[in-house]
Amino acid sequence: MPNNSPKGEIVKVKFPVVVDSGRCPTCDADVNQYIRAAEKGEIALPTCCPHCGQPFAEGIKKRVWRCGKCNGVVLNFGEQRYCTHCRGELVYPKEAGYEELLAKMEKESAQATKEVK
């Protein structure tokens, strides 16, 4: 299926979730032991559910966006077009205001490019 992607693949970006009940919202697995171990400094807080792989978000400033195919971190959400790990083309989820935000970012980028020239 040709789509101008390096490997001809389109993959979705997974939304991170917030764990507020000690359970993964996706698979309902108990993650309290990992949270307690992280609070004690024994381990780093997991960025994904150890059971189902769902990415976790730790507050607004620490959201982790991951590729839906290889689970690699998406470094520049909204700007990055291809996964740096599997090279699949990234398609971002539709949410309220996303199209307007993306259009604004593209306009600012084009304007900055004009100013540099």
PDB file of N, CA and C in Angstrom:
ATOM      1  N   MET A   1       0.841  -1.168   0.000  1.00  0.00           N
ATOM      2  CA  MET A   1       0.000   0.000   0.000  1.00  0.00           C
ATOM      3  C   MET A   1       0.892   1.239   0.000  1.00  0.00           C
ATOM      4  N   PRO A   2       1.114   1.897  -1.127  1.00  0.00           N
ATOM      5  CA  PRO A   2       1.984   3.066  -1.166  1.00  0.00           C
ATOM      6  C   PRO A   2       1.327   4.266  -0.485  1.00  0.00           C
ATOM      7  N   ASN A   3       2.054   4.900   0.429  1.00  0.00           N
ATOM      8  CA  ASN A   3       1.547   6.098   1.097  1.00  0.00           C
ATOM      9  C   ASN A   3       2.672   7.058   1.454  1.00  0.00           C
ATOM     10  N   ASN A   4       3.786   6.973   0.723  1.00  0.00           N
ATOM     11  CA  ASN A   4       4.941   7.837   0.927  1.00  0.00           C
ATOM     12  C   ASN A   4       5.627   7.622   2.264  1.00  0.00           C
ATOM     13  N   SER A   5       5.333   6.548   2.946  1.00  0.00           N
ATOM     14  CA  SER A   5       6.019   6.183   4.180  1.00  0.00           C
ATOM     15  C   SER A   5       7.237   5.356   3.785  1.00  0.00           C
ATOM     16  N   PRO A   6       8.358   5.456   4.524  1.00  0.00           N
ATOM     17  CA  PRO A   6       9.547   4.692   4.156  1.00  0.00           C
ATOM     18  C   PRO A   6       9.295   3.197   3.996  1.00  0.00           C
ATOM     19  N   LYS A   7       8.416   2.640   4.804  1.00  0.00           N
ATOM     20  CA  LYS A   7       8.132   1.214   4.696  1.00  0.00           C
ATOM     21  C   LYS A   7       6.722   0.957   4.179  1.00  0.00           C
ATOM     22  N   GLY A   8       5.997   2.015   3.810  1.00  0.00           N
ATOM     23  CA  GLY A   8       4.645   1.835   3.301  1.00  0.00           C
ATOM     24  C   GLY A   8       3.654   1.420   4.358  1.00  0.00           C
ATOM     25  N   GLU A   9       3.903   1.787   5.621  1.00  0.00           N
ATOM     26  CA  GLU A   9       3.014   1.391   6.704  1.00  0.00           C
ATOM     27  C   GLU A   9       2.509   2.627   7.430  1.00  0.00           C
ATOM     28  N   ILE A  10       1.270   2.593   7.871  1.00  0.00           N
ATOM     29  CA  ILE A  10       0.708   3.658   8.694  1.00  0.00           C
ATOM     30  C   ILE A  10       0.345   3.035  10.033  1.00  0.00           C
ATOM     31  N   VAL A  11       0.809   3.653  11.121  1.00  0.00           N
ATOM     32  CA  VAL A  11       0.506   3.146  12.457  1.00  0.00           C
ATOM     33  C   VAL A  11      -0.105   4.261  13.284  1.00  0.00           C
ATOM     34  N   LYS A  12      -0.940   3.898  14.232  1.00  0.00           N
ATOM     35  CA  LYS A  12      -1.600   4.872  15.094  1.00  0.00           C
ATOM     36  C   LYS A  12      -0.735   5.154  16.312  1.00  0.00           C
ATOM     37  N   VAL A  13      -0.914   6.333  16.891  1.00  0.00           N
ATOM     38  CA  VAL A  13      -0.223   6.710  18.117  1.00  0.00           C
ATOM     39  C   VAL A  13      -1.171   6.430  19.277  1.00  0.00           C
ATOM     40  N   LYS A  14      -0.679   5.742  20.306  1.00  0.00           N
ATOM     41  CA  LYS A  14      -1.512   5.428  21.463  1.00  0.00           C
ATOM     42  C   LYS A  14      -1.567   6.616  22.417  1.00  0.00           C
ATOM     43  N   PHE A  15      -2.744   6.897  22.959  1.00  0.00           N
ATOM     44  CA  PHE A  15      -2.875   7.907  23.994  1.00  0.00           C
ATOM     45  C   PHE A  15      -2.347   7.345  25.307  1.00  0.00           C
ATOM     46  N   PRO A  16      -1.607   8.153  26.088  1.00  0.00           N
ATOM     47  CA  PRO A  16      -1.219   7.684  27.411  1.00  0.00           C
ATOM     48  C   PRO A  16      -2.420   7.762  28.348  1.00  0.00           C
ATOM     49  N   VAL A  17      -2.394   6.978  29.395  1.00  0.00           N
ATOM     50  CA  VAL A  17      -3.475   6.988  30.370  1.00  0.00           C
ATOM     51  C   VAL A  17      -2.911   7.368  31.727  1.00  0.00           C
ATOM     52  N   VAL A  18      -3.770   7.835  32.608  1.00  0.00           N
ATOM     53  CA  VAL A  18      -3.372   8.197  33.961  1.00  0.00           C
ATOM     54  C   VAL A  18      -3.833   7.099  34.900  1.00  0.00           C
ATOM     55  N   VAL A  19      -2.915   6.632  35.735  1.00  0.00           N
ATOM     56  CA  VAL A  19      -3.249   5.612  36.726  1.00  0.00           C
ATOM     57  C   VAL A  19      -3.565   6.338  38.021  1.00  0.00           C
ATOM     58  N   ASP A  20      -4.834   6.340  38.423  1.00  0.00           N
ATOM     59  CA  ASP A  20      -5.187   7.048  39.645  1.00  0.00           C
ATOM     60  C   ASP A  20      -5.805   6.129  40.685  1.00  0.00           C
ATOM     61  N   SER A  21      -6.026   4.885  40.340  1.00  0.00           N
ATOM     62  CA  SER A  21      -6.659   3.966  41.284  1.00  0.00           C
ATOM     63  C   SER A  21      -5.753   2.798  41.634  1.00  0.00           C
ATOM     64  N   GLY A  22      -4.505   2.833  41.158  1.00  0.00           N
ATOM     65  CA  GLY A  22      -3.609   1.706  41.400  1.00  0.00           C
ATOM     66  C   GLY A  22      -3.860   0.548  40.445  1.00  0.00           C
ATOM     67  N   ARG A  23      -4.723   0.779  39.467  1.00  0.00           N
ATOM     68  CA  ARG A  23      -5.027  -0.248  38.478  1.00  0.00           C
ATOM     69  C   ARG A  23      -4.888   0.356  37.089  1.00  0.00           C
ATOM     70  N   CYS A  24      -4.438  -0.449  36.151  1.00  0.00           N
ATOM     71  CA  CYS A  24      -4.329   0.006  34.768  1.00  0.00           C
ATOM     72  C   CYS A  24      -5.738   0.191  34.209  1.00  0.00           C
ATOM     73  N   PRO A  25      -6.051   1.357  33.650  1.00  0.00           N
ATOM     74  CA  PRO A  25      -7.388   1.576  33.107  1.00  0.00           C
ATOM     75  C   PRO A  25      -7.708   0.710  31.893  1.00  0.00           C
ATOM     76  N   THR A  26      -6.681   0.181  31.233  1.00  0.00           N
ATOM     77  CA  THR A  26      -6.903  -0.620  30.035  1.00  0.00           C
ATOM     78  C   THR A  26      -7.193  -2.078  30.364  1.00  0.00           C
ATOM     79  N   CYS A  27      -6.296  -2.712  31.156  1.00  0.00           N
ATOM     80  CA  CYS A  27      -6.463  -4.149  31.432  1.00  0.00           C
ATOM     81  C   CYS A  27      -6.878  -4.436  32.869  1.00  0.00           C
ATOM     82  N   ASP A  28      -6.984  -3.395  33.716  1.00  0.00           N
ATOM     83  CA  ASP A  28      -7.401  -3.516  35.109  1.00  0.00           C
ATOM     84  C   ASP A  28      -6.404  -4.279  35.976  1.00  0.00           C
ATOM     85  N   ALA A  29      -5.153  -4.387  35.526  1.00  0.00           N
ATOM     86  CA  ALA A  29      -4.131  -5.074  36.326  1.00  0.00           C
ATOM     87  C   ALA A  29      -3.737  -4.204  37.514  1.00  0.00           C
ATOM     88  N   ASP A  30      -3.423  -4.835  38.638  1.00  0.00           N
ATOM     89  CA  ASP A  30      -2.984  -4.126  39.838  1.00  0.00           C
ATOM     90  C   ASP A  30      -1.534  -3.685  39.645  1.00  0.00           C
ATOM     91  N   VAL A  31      -1.290  -2.385  39.680  1.00  0.00           N
ATOM     92  CA  VAL A  31       0.069  -1.860  39.514  1.00  0.00           C
ATOM     93  C   VAL A  31       0.575  -1.187  40.789  1.00  0.00           C
ATOM     94  N   ASN A  32      -0.118  -1.409  41.906  1.00  0.00           N
ATOM     95  CA  ASN A  32       0.273  -0.788  43.167  1.00  0.00           C
ATOM     96  C   ASN A  32       1.677  -1.174  43.598  1.00  0.00           C
ATOM     97  N   GLN A  33       2.085  -2.414  43.359  1.00  0.00           N
ATOM     98  CA  GLN A  33       3.425  -2.841  43.783  1.00  0.00           C
ATOM     99  C   GLN A  33       4.504  -2.041  43.068  1.00  0.00           C
ATOM    100  N   TYR A  34       4.284  -1.701  41.805  1.00  0.00           N
ATOM    101  CA  TYR A  34       5.252  -0.914  41.049  1.00  0.00           C
ATOM    102  C   TYR A  34       5.274   0.530  41.544  1.00  0.00           C
ATOM    103  N   ILE A  35       4.097   1.066  41.874  1.00  0.00           N
ATOM    104  CA  ILE A  35       4.008   2.434  42.382  1.00  0.00           C
ATOM    105  C   ILE A  35       4.712   2.532  43.729  1.00  0.00           C
ATOM    106  N   ARG A  36       4.462   1.563  44.612  1.00  0.00           N
ATOM    107  CA  ARG A  36       5.115   1.566  45.936  1.00  0.00           C
ATOM    108  C   ARG A  36       6.627   1.440  45.804  1.00  0.00           C
ATOM    109  N   ALA A  37       7.094   0.555  44.928  1.00  0.00           N
ATOM    110  CA  ALA A  37       8.539   0.373  44.729  1.00  0.00           C
ATOM    111  C   ALA A  37       9.174   1.649  44.179  1.00  0.00           C
ATOM    112  N   ALA A  38       8.462   2.354  43.314  1.00  0.00           N
ATOM    113  CA  ALA A  38       8.985   3.614  42.763  1.00  0.00           C
ATOM    114  C   ALA A  38       9.038   4.687  43.838  1.00  0.00           C
ATOM    115  N   GLU A  39       8.027   4.726  44.702  1.00  0.00           N
ATOM    116  CA  GLU A  39       8.016   5.707  45.792  1.00  0.00           C
ATOM    117  C   GLU A  39       9.161   5.467  46.766  1.00  0.00           C
ATOM    118  N   LYS A  40       9.548   4.213  46.945  1.00  0.00           N
ATOM    119  CA  LYS A  40      10.672   3.869  47.829  1.00  0.00           C
ATOM    120  C   LYS A  40      12.018   4.083  47.147  1.00  0.00           C
ATOM    121  N   GLY A  41      12.009   4.356  45.837  1.00  0.00           N
ATOM    122  CA  GLY A  41      13.246   4.563  45.097  1.00  0.00           C
ATOM    123  C   GLY A  41      13.901   3.272  44.635  1.00  0.00           C
ATOM    124  N   GLU A  42      13.187   2.162  44.729  1.00  0.00           N
ATOM    125  CA  GLU A  42      13.746   0.867  44.328  1.00  0.00           C
ATOM    126  C   GLU A  42      13.776   0.697  42.805  1.00  0.00           C
ATOM    127  N   ILE A  43      12.787   1.250  42.143  1.00  0.00           N
ATOM    128  CA  ILE A  43      12.709   1.166  40.677  1.00  0.00           C
ATOM    129  C   ILE A  43      12.236   2.508  40.132  1.00  0.00           C
ATOM    130  N   ALA A  44      12.411   2.708  38.848  1.00  0.00           N
ATOM    131  CA  ALA A  44      11.832   3.887  38.197  1.00  0.00           C
ATOM    132  C   ALA A  44      10.361   3.591  37.929  1.00  0.00           C
ATOM    133  N   LEU A  45       9.541   4.616  38.010  1.00  0.00           N
ATOM    134  CA  LEU A  45       8.117   4.436  37.743  1.00  0.00           C
ATOM    135  C   LEU A  45       7.938   3.942  36.316  1.00  0.00           C
ATOM    136  N   PRO A  46       7.238   2.830  36.115  1.00  0.00           N
ATOM    137  CA  PRO A  46       7.080   2.300  34.757  1.00  0.00           C
ATOM    138  C   PRO A  46       6.338   3.284  33.856  1.00  0.00           C
ATOM    139  N   THR A  47       6.755   3.353  32.607  1.00  0.00           N
ATOM    140  CA  THR A  47       6.075   4.224  31.646  1.00  0.00           C
ATOM    141  C   THR A  47       4.958   3.481  30.926  1.00  0.00           C
ATOM    142  N   CYS A  48       4.918   2.163  31.080  1.00  0.00           N
ATOM    143  CA  CYS A  48       3.877   1.341  30.455  1.00  0.00           C
ATOM    144  C   CYS A  48       3.400   0.297  31.457  1.00  0.00           C
ATOM    145  N   CYS A  49       2.187  -0.181  31.276  1.00  0.00           N
ATOM    146  CA  CYS A  49       1.673  -1.255  32.113  1.00  0.00           C
ATOM    147  C   CYS A  49       2.506  -2.509  31.868  1.00  0.00           C
ATOM    148  N   PRO A  50       3.046  -3.121  32.927  1.00  0.00           N
ATOM    149  CA  PRO A  50       3.841  -4.332  32.756  1.00  0.00           C
ATOM    150  C   PRO A  50       3.028  -5.514  32.208  1.00  0.00           C
ATOM    151  N   HIS A  51       1.709  -5.410  32.278  1.00  0.00           N
ATOM    152  CA  HIS A  51       0.860  -6.520  31.845  1.00  0.00           C
ATOM    153  C   HIS A  51       0.390  -6.388  30.395  1.00  0.00           C
ATOM    154  N   CYS A  52      -0.081  -5.172  30.016  1.00  0.00           N
ATOM    155  CA  CYS A  52      -0.639  -5.024  28.660  1.00  0.00           C
ATOM    156  C   CYS A  52       0.147  -4.061  27.775  1.00  0.00           C
ATOM    157  N   GLY A  53       1.103  -3.313  28.353  1.00  0.00           N
ATOM    158  CA  GLY A  53       1.923  -2.406  27.563  1.00  0.00           C
ATOM    159  C   GLY A  53       1.324  -1.032  27.326  1.00  0.00           C
ATOM    160  N   GLN A  54       0.155  -0.740  27.918  1.00  0.00           N
ATOM    161  CA  GLN A  54      -0.478   0.575  27.746  1.00  0.00           C
ATOM    162  C   GLN A  54       0.418   1.667  28.324  1.00  0.00           C
ATOM    163  N   PRO A  55       0.756   2.714  27.541  1.00  0.00           N
ATOM    164  CA  PRO A  55       1.574   3.810  28.073  1.00  0.00           C
ATOM    165  C   PRO A  55       0.857   4.544  29.205  1.00  0.00           C
ATOM    166  N   PHE A  56       1.623   4.909  30.243  1.00  0.00           N
ATOM    167  CA  PHE A  56       1.096   5.677  31.365  1.00  0.00           C
ATOM    168  C   PHE A  56       1.507   7.134  31.219  1.00  0.00           C
ATOM    169  N   ALA A  57       0.693   8.027  31.723  1.00  0.00           N
ATOM    170  CA  ALA A  57       1.044   9.448  31.795  1.00  0.00           C
ATOM    171  C   ALA A  57       1.190   9.795  33.265  1.00  0.00           C
ATOM    172  N   GLU A  58       2.276  10.467  33.610  1.00  0.00           N
ATOM    173  CA  GLU A  58       2.481  10.880  35.001  1.00  0.00           C
ATOM    174  C   GLU A  58       2.289  12.384  35.049  1.00  0.00           C
ATOM    175  N   GLY A  59       1.071  12.814  35.272  1.00  0.00           N
ATOM    176  CA  GLY A  59       0.785  14.234  35.248  1.00  0.00           C
ATOM    177  C   GLY A  59       0.814  14.760  33.821  1.00  0.00           C
ATOM    178  N   ILE A  60       0.557  16.017  33.664  1.00  0.00           N
ATOM    179  CA  ILE A  60       0.489  16.603  32.328  1.00  0.00           C
ATOM    180  C   ILE A  60       1.872  16.792  31.733  1.00  0.00           C
ATOM    181  N   LYS A  61       2.861  17.129  32.554  1.00  0.00           N
ATOM    182  CA  LYS A  61       4.192  17.426  32.043  1.00  0.00           C
ATOM    183  C   LYS A  61       4.973  16.193  31.629  1.00  0.00           C
ATOM    184  N   LYS A  62       4.555  15.027  32.030  1.00  0.00           N
ATOM    185  CA  LYS A  62       5.343  13.836  31.747  1.00  0.00           C
ATOM    186  C   LYS A  62       4.590  12.839  30.884  1.00  0.00           C
ATOM    187  N   ARG A  63       3.789  13.313  29.973  1.00  0.00           N
ATOM    188  CA  ARG A  63       3.080  12.382  29.090  1.00  0.00           C
ATOM    189  C   ARG A  63       4.065  11.690  28.175  1.00  0.00           C
ATOM    190  N   VAL A  64       3.829  10.420  27.975  1.00  0.00           N
ATOM    191  CA  VAL A  64       4.674   9.633  27.077  1.00  0.00           C
ATOM    192  C   VAL A  64       3.795   9.163  25.930  1.00  0.00           C
ATOM    193  N   TRP A  65       4.119   9.593  24.729  1.00  0.00           N
ATOM    194  CA  TRP A  65       3.385   9.166  23.544  1.00  0.00           C
ATOM    195  C   TRP A  65       4.189   8.062  22.888  1.00  0.00           C
ATOM    196  N   ARG A  66       3.527   6.979  22.505  1.00  0.00           N
ATOM    197  CA  ARG A  66       4.226   5.828  21.941  1.00  0.00           C
ATOM    198  C   ARG A  66       3.618   5.408  20.615  1.00  0.00           C
ATOM    199  N   CYS A  67       4.457   4.846  19.780  1.00  0.00           N
ATOM    200  CA  CYS A  67       4.036   4.309  18.489  1.00  0.00           C
ATOM    201  C   CYS A  67       3.130   3.103  18.738  1.00  0.00           C
ATOM    202  N   GLY A  68       2.051   3.012  18.001  1.00  0.00           N
ATOM    203  CA  GLY A  68       1.130   1.897  18.170  1.00  0.00           C
ATOM    204  C   GLY A  68       1.647   0.584  17.614  1.00  0.00           C
ATOM    205  N   LYS A  69       2.731   0.623  16.841  1.00  0.00           N
ATOM    206  CA  LYS A  69       3.281  -0.603  16.261  1.00  0.00           C
ATOM    207  C   LYS A  69       4.417  -1.172  17.104  1.00  0.00           C
ATOM    208  N   CYS A  70       5.457  -0.344  17.342  1.00  0.00           N
ATOM    209  CA  CYS A  70       6.648  -0.867  18.025  1.00  0.00           C
ATOM    210  C   CYS A  70       6.760  -0.395  19.469  1.00  0.00           C
ATOM    211  N   ASN A  71       5.856   0.482  19.914  1.00  0.00           N
ATOM    212  CA  ASN A  71       5.846   1.015  21.270  1.00  0.00           C
ATOM    213  C   ASN A  71       7.016   1.963  21.534  1.00  0.00           C
ATOM    214  N   GLY A  72       7.698   2.414  20.484  1.00  0.00           N
ATOM    215  CA  GLY A  72       8.787   3.379  20.636  1.00  0.00           C
ATOM    216  C   GLY A  72       8.241   4.751  21.011  1.00  0.00           C
ATOM    217  N   VAL A  73       9.022   5.539  21.735  1.00  0.00           N
ATOM    218  CA  VAL A  73       8.596   6.863  22.174  1.00  0.00           C
ATOM    219  C   VAL A  73       8.514   7.819  20.984  1.00  0.00           C
ATOM    220  N   VAL A  74       7.412   8.552  20.903  1.00  0.00           N
ATOM    221  CA  VAL A  74       7.240   9.598  19.898  1.00  0.00           C
ATOM    222  C   VAL A  74       7.781  10.873  20.531  1.00  0.00           C
ATOM    223  N   LEU A  75       8.898  11.368  20.022  1.00  0.00           N
ATOM    224  CA  LEU A  75       9.601  12.486  20.649  1.00  0.00           C
ATOM    225  C   LEU A  75       8.926  13.830  20.426  1.00  0.00           C
ATOM    226  N   ASN A  76       8.413  14.077  19.249  1.00  0.00           N
ATOM    227  CA  ASN A  76       7.791  15.364  18.919  1.00  0.00           C
ATOM    228  C   ASN A  76       6.348  15.134  18.511  1.00  0.00           C
ATOM    229  N   PHE A  77       5.468  14.977  19.497  1.00  0.00           N
ATOM    230  CA  PHE A  77       4.072  14.683  19.224  1.00  0.00           C
ATOM    231  C   PHE A  77       3.457  15.776  18.362  1.00  0.00           C
ATOM    232  N   GLY A  78       2.774  15.371  17.322  1.00  0.00           N
ATOM    233  CA  GLY A  78       2.111  16.300  16.425  1.00  0.00           C
ATOM    234  C   GLY A  78       2.989  16.760  15.277  1.00  0.00           C
ATOM    235  N   GLU A  79       4.300  16.718  15.457  1.00  0.00           N
ATOM    236  CA  GLU A  79       5.227  17.151  14.410  1.00  0.00           C
ATOM    237  C   GLU A  79       5.924  15.971  13.751  1.00  0.00           C
ATOM    238  N   GLN A  80       6.198  14.949  14.530  1.00  0.00           N
ATOM    239  CA  GLN A  80       6.944  13.794  14.027  1.00  0.00           C
ATOM    240  C   GLN A  80       6.054  12.986  13.091  1.00  0.00           C
ATOM    241  N   ARG A  81       6.494  12.781  11.875  1.00  0.00           N
ATOM    242  CA  ARG A  81       5.686  12.077  10.873  1.00  0.00           C
ATOM    243  C   ARG A  81       5.986  10.585  10.808  1.00  0.00           C
ATOM    244  N   TYR A  82       7.201  10.186  11.183  1.00  0.00           N
ATOM    245  CA  TYR A  82       7.586   8.775  11.119  1.00  0.00           C
ATOM    246  C   TYR A  82       8.180   8.351  12.451  1.00  0.00           C
ATOM    247  N   CYS A  83       7.928   7.113  12.847  1.00  0.00           N
ATOM    248  CA  CYS A  83       8.504   6.569  14.075  1.00  0.00           C
ATOM    249  C   CYS A  83      10.012   6.429  13.884  1.00  0.00           C
ATOM    250  N   THR A  84      10.784   6.881  14.867  1.00  0.00           N
ATOM    251  CA  THR A  84      12.242   6.799  14.763  1.00  0.00           C
ATOM    252  C   THR A  84      12.746   5.380  14.982  1.00  0.00           C
ATOM    253  N   HIS A  85      11.891   4.492  15.463  1.00  0.00           N
ATOM    254  CA  HIS A  85      12.302   3.113  15.726  1.00  0.00           C
ATOM    255  C   HIS A  85      11.942   2.173  14.575  1.00  0.00           C
ATOM    256  N   CYS A  86      10.655   2.154  14.179  1.00  0.00           N
ATOM    257  CA  CYS A  86      10.214   1.204  13.148  1.00  0.00           C
ATOM    258  C   CYS A  86       9.991   1.872  11.789  1.00  0.00           C
ATOM    259  N   ARG A  87      10.100   3.214  11.721  1.00  0.00           N
ATOM    260  CA  ARG A  87       9.943   4.001  10.499  1.00  0.00           C
ATOM    261  C   ARG A  87       8.525   3.974   9.926  1.00  0.00           C
ATOM    262  N   GLY A  88       7.550   3.511  10.701  1.00  0.00           N
ATOM    263  CA  GLY A  88       6.166   3.559  10.249  1.00  0.00           C
ATOM    264  C   GLY A  88       5.655   4.991  10.272  1.00  0.00           C
ATOM    265  N   GLU A  89       4.739   5.328   9.377  1.00  0.00           N
ATOM    266  CA  GLU A  89       4.162   6.673   9.350  1.00  0.00           C
ATOM    267  C   GLU A  89       3.182   6.817  10.504  1.00  0.00           C
ATOM    268  N   LEU A  90       3.296   7.898  11.274  1.00  0.00           N
ATOM    269  CA  LEU A  90       2.454   8.106  12.444  1.00  0.00           C
ATOM    270  C   LEU A  90       1.186   8.860  12.067  1.00  0.00           C
ATOM    271  N   VAL A  91       0.050   8.372  12.545  1.00  0.00           N
ATOM    272  CA  VAL A  91      -1.232   9.027  12.356  1.00  0.00           C
ATOM    273  C   VAL A  91      -1.736   9.370  13.747  1.00  0.00           C
ATOM    274  N   TYR A  92      -1.962  10.648  14.013  1.00  0.00           N
ATOM    275  CA  TYR A  92      -2.338  11.089  15.349  1.00  0.00           C
ATOM    276  C   TYR A  92      -3.835  10.983  15.566  1.00  0.00           C
ATOM    277  N   PRO A  93      -4.236  10.710  16.814  1.00  0.00           N
ATOM    278  CA  PRO A  93      -5.657  10.560  17.122  1.00  0.00           C
ATOM    279  C   PRO A  93      -6.401  11.878  16.951  1.00  0.00           C
ATOM    280  N   LYS A  94      -7.646  11.770  16.584  1.00  0.00           N
ATOM    281  CA  LYS A  94      -8.487  12.956  16.434  1.00  0.00           C
ATOM    282  C   LYS A  94      -9.029  13.328  17.811  1.00  0.00           C
ATOM    283  N   GLU A  95      -8.838  14.566  18.190  1.00  0.00           N
ATOM    284  CA  GLU A  95      -9.424  15.055  19.430  1.00  0.00           C
ATOM    285  C   GLU A  95      -9.809  16.512  19.216  1.00  0.00           C
ATOM    286  N   ALA A  96     -10.682  17.018  20.072  1.00  0.00           N
ATOM    287  CA  ALA A  96     -11.168  18.385  19.916  1.00  0.00           C
ATOM    288  C   ALA A  96     -10.009  19.372  19.882  1.00  0.00           C
ATOM    289  N   GLY A  97      -9.981  20.198  18.859  1.00  0.00           N
ATOM    290  CA  GLY A  97      -8.965  21.229  18.748  1.00  0.00           C
ATOM    291  C   GLY A  97      -7.658  20.781  18.129  1.00  0.00           C
ATOM    292  N   TYR A  98      -7.508  19.490  17.858  1.00  0.00           N
ATOM    293  CA  TYR A  98      -6.229  18.994  17.337  1.00  0.00           C
ATOM    294  C   TYR A  98      -5.935  19.562  15.956  1.00  0.00           C
ATOM    295  N   GLU A  99      -6.920  19.549  15.071  1.00  0.00           N
ATOM    296  CA  GLU A  99      -6.708  20.039  13.706  1.00  0.00           C
ATOM    297  C   GLU A  99      -6.313  21.519  13.714  1.00  0.00           C
ATOM    298  N   GLU A 100      -6.986  22.314  14.571  1.00  0.00           N
ATOM    299  CA  GLU A 100      -6.675  23.743  14.657  1.00  0.00           C
ATOM    300  C   GLU A 100      -5.260  23.949  15.189  1.00  0.00           C
ATOM    301  N   LEU A 101      -4.883  23.180  16.209  1.00  0.00           N
ATOM    302  CA  LEU A 101      -3.545  23.289  16.783  1.00  0.00           C
ATOM    303  C   LEU A 101      -2.486  22.911  15.753  1.00  0.00           C
ATOM    304  N   LEU A 102      -2.714  21.832  15.030  1.00  0.00           N
ATOM    305  CA  LEU A 102      -1.763  21.390  14.015  1.00  0.00           C
ATOM    306  C   LEU A 102      -1.633  22.439  12.902  1.00  0.00           C
ATOM    307  N   ALA A 103      -2.755  23.010  12.468  1.00  0.00           N
ATOM    308  CA  ALA A 103      -2.723  24.047  11.430  1.00  0.00           C
ATOM    309  C   ALA A 103      -1.948  25.268  11.918  1.00  0.00           C
ATOM    310  N   LYS A 104      -2.153  25.643  13.178  1.00  0.00           N
ATOM    311  CA  LYS A 104      -1.442  26.792  13.751  1.00  0.00           C
ATOM    312  C   LYS A 104       0.059  26.520  13.800  1.00  0.00           C
ATOM    313  N   MET A 105       0.438  25.308  14.220  1.00  0.00           N
ATOM    314  CA  MET A 105       1.855  24.951  14.305  1.00  0.00           C
ATOM    315  C   MET A 105       2.492  24.962  12.916  1.00  0.00           C
ATOM    316  N   GLU A 106       1.789  24.434  11.918  1.00  0.00           N
ATOM    317  CA  GLU A 106       2.315  24.413  10.554  1.00  0.00           C
ATOM    318  C   GLU A 106       2.457  25.827   9.998  1.00  0.00           C
ATOM    319  N   LYS A 107       1.498  26.711  10.324  1.00  0.00           N
ATOM    320  CA  LYS A 107       1.558  28.097   9.870  1.00  0.00           C
ATOM    321  C   LYS A 107       2.755  28.809  10.501  1.00  0.00           C
ATOM    322  N   GLU A 108       2.956  28.606  11.815  1.00  0.00           N
ATOM    323  CA  GLU A 108       4.089  29.220  12.506  1.00  0.00           C
ATOM    324  C   GLU A 108       5.411  28.701  11.953  1.00  0.00           C
ATOM    325  N   SER A 109       5.456  27.414  11.655  1.00  0.00           N
ATOM    326  CA  SER A 109       6.668  26.821  11.095  1.00  0.00           C
ATOM    327  C   SER A 109       6.970  27.402   9.716  1.00  0.00           C
ATOM    328  N   ALA A 110       5.940  27.552   8.889  1.00  0.00           N
ATOM    329  CA  ALA A 110       6.119  28.125   7.550  1.00  0.00           C
ATOM    330  C   ALA A 110       6.568  29.579   7.642  1.00  0.00           C
ATOM    331  N   GLN A 111       5.994  30.311   8.595  1.00  0.00           N
ATOM    332  CA  GLN A 111       6.363  31.716   8.774  1.00  0.00           C
ATOM    333  C   GLN A 111       7.814  31.829   9.248  1.00  0.00           C
ATOM    334  N   ALA A 112       8.223  30.964  10.167  1.00  0.00           N
ATOM    335  CA  ALA A 112       9.601  30.977  10.659  1.00  0.00           C
ATOM    336  C   ALA A 112      10.572  30.637   9.530  1.00  0.00           C
ATOM    337  N   THR A 113      10.175  29.725   8.656  1.00  0.00           N
ATOM    338  CA  THR A 113      11.014  29.349   7.519  1.00  0.00           C
ATOM    339  C   THR A 113      11.176  30.532   6.566  1.00  0.00           C
ATOM    340  N   LYS A 114      10.090  31.289   6.331  1.00  0.00           N
ATOM    341  CA  LYS A 114      10.154  32.471   5.466  1.00  0.00           C
ATOM    342  C   LYS A 114      11.104  33.517   6.047  1.00  0.00           C
ATOM    343  N   GLU A 115      11.037  33.706   7.384  1.00  0.00           N
ATOM    344  CA  GLU A 115      11.866  34.714   8.039  1.00  0.00           C
ATOM    345  C   GLU A 115      13.342  34.360   7.965  1.00  0.00           C
ATOM    346  N   VAL A 116      13.661  33.070   7.975  1.00  0.00           N
ATOM    347  CA  VAL A 116      15.050  32.621   7.918  1.00  0.00           C
ATOM    348  C   VAL A 116      15.631  32.883   6.538  1.00  0.00           C
ATOM    349  N   LYS A 117      14.817  32.728   5.490  1.00  0.00           N
ATOM    350  CA  LYS A 117      15.296  32.900   4.111  1.00  0.00           C
ATOM    351  C   LYS A 117      15.602  34.299   3.835  1.00  0.00           C
TER     352      LYS A 117
END
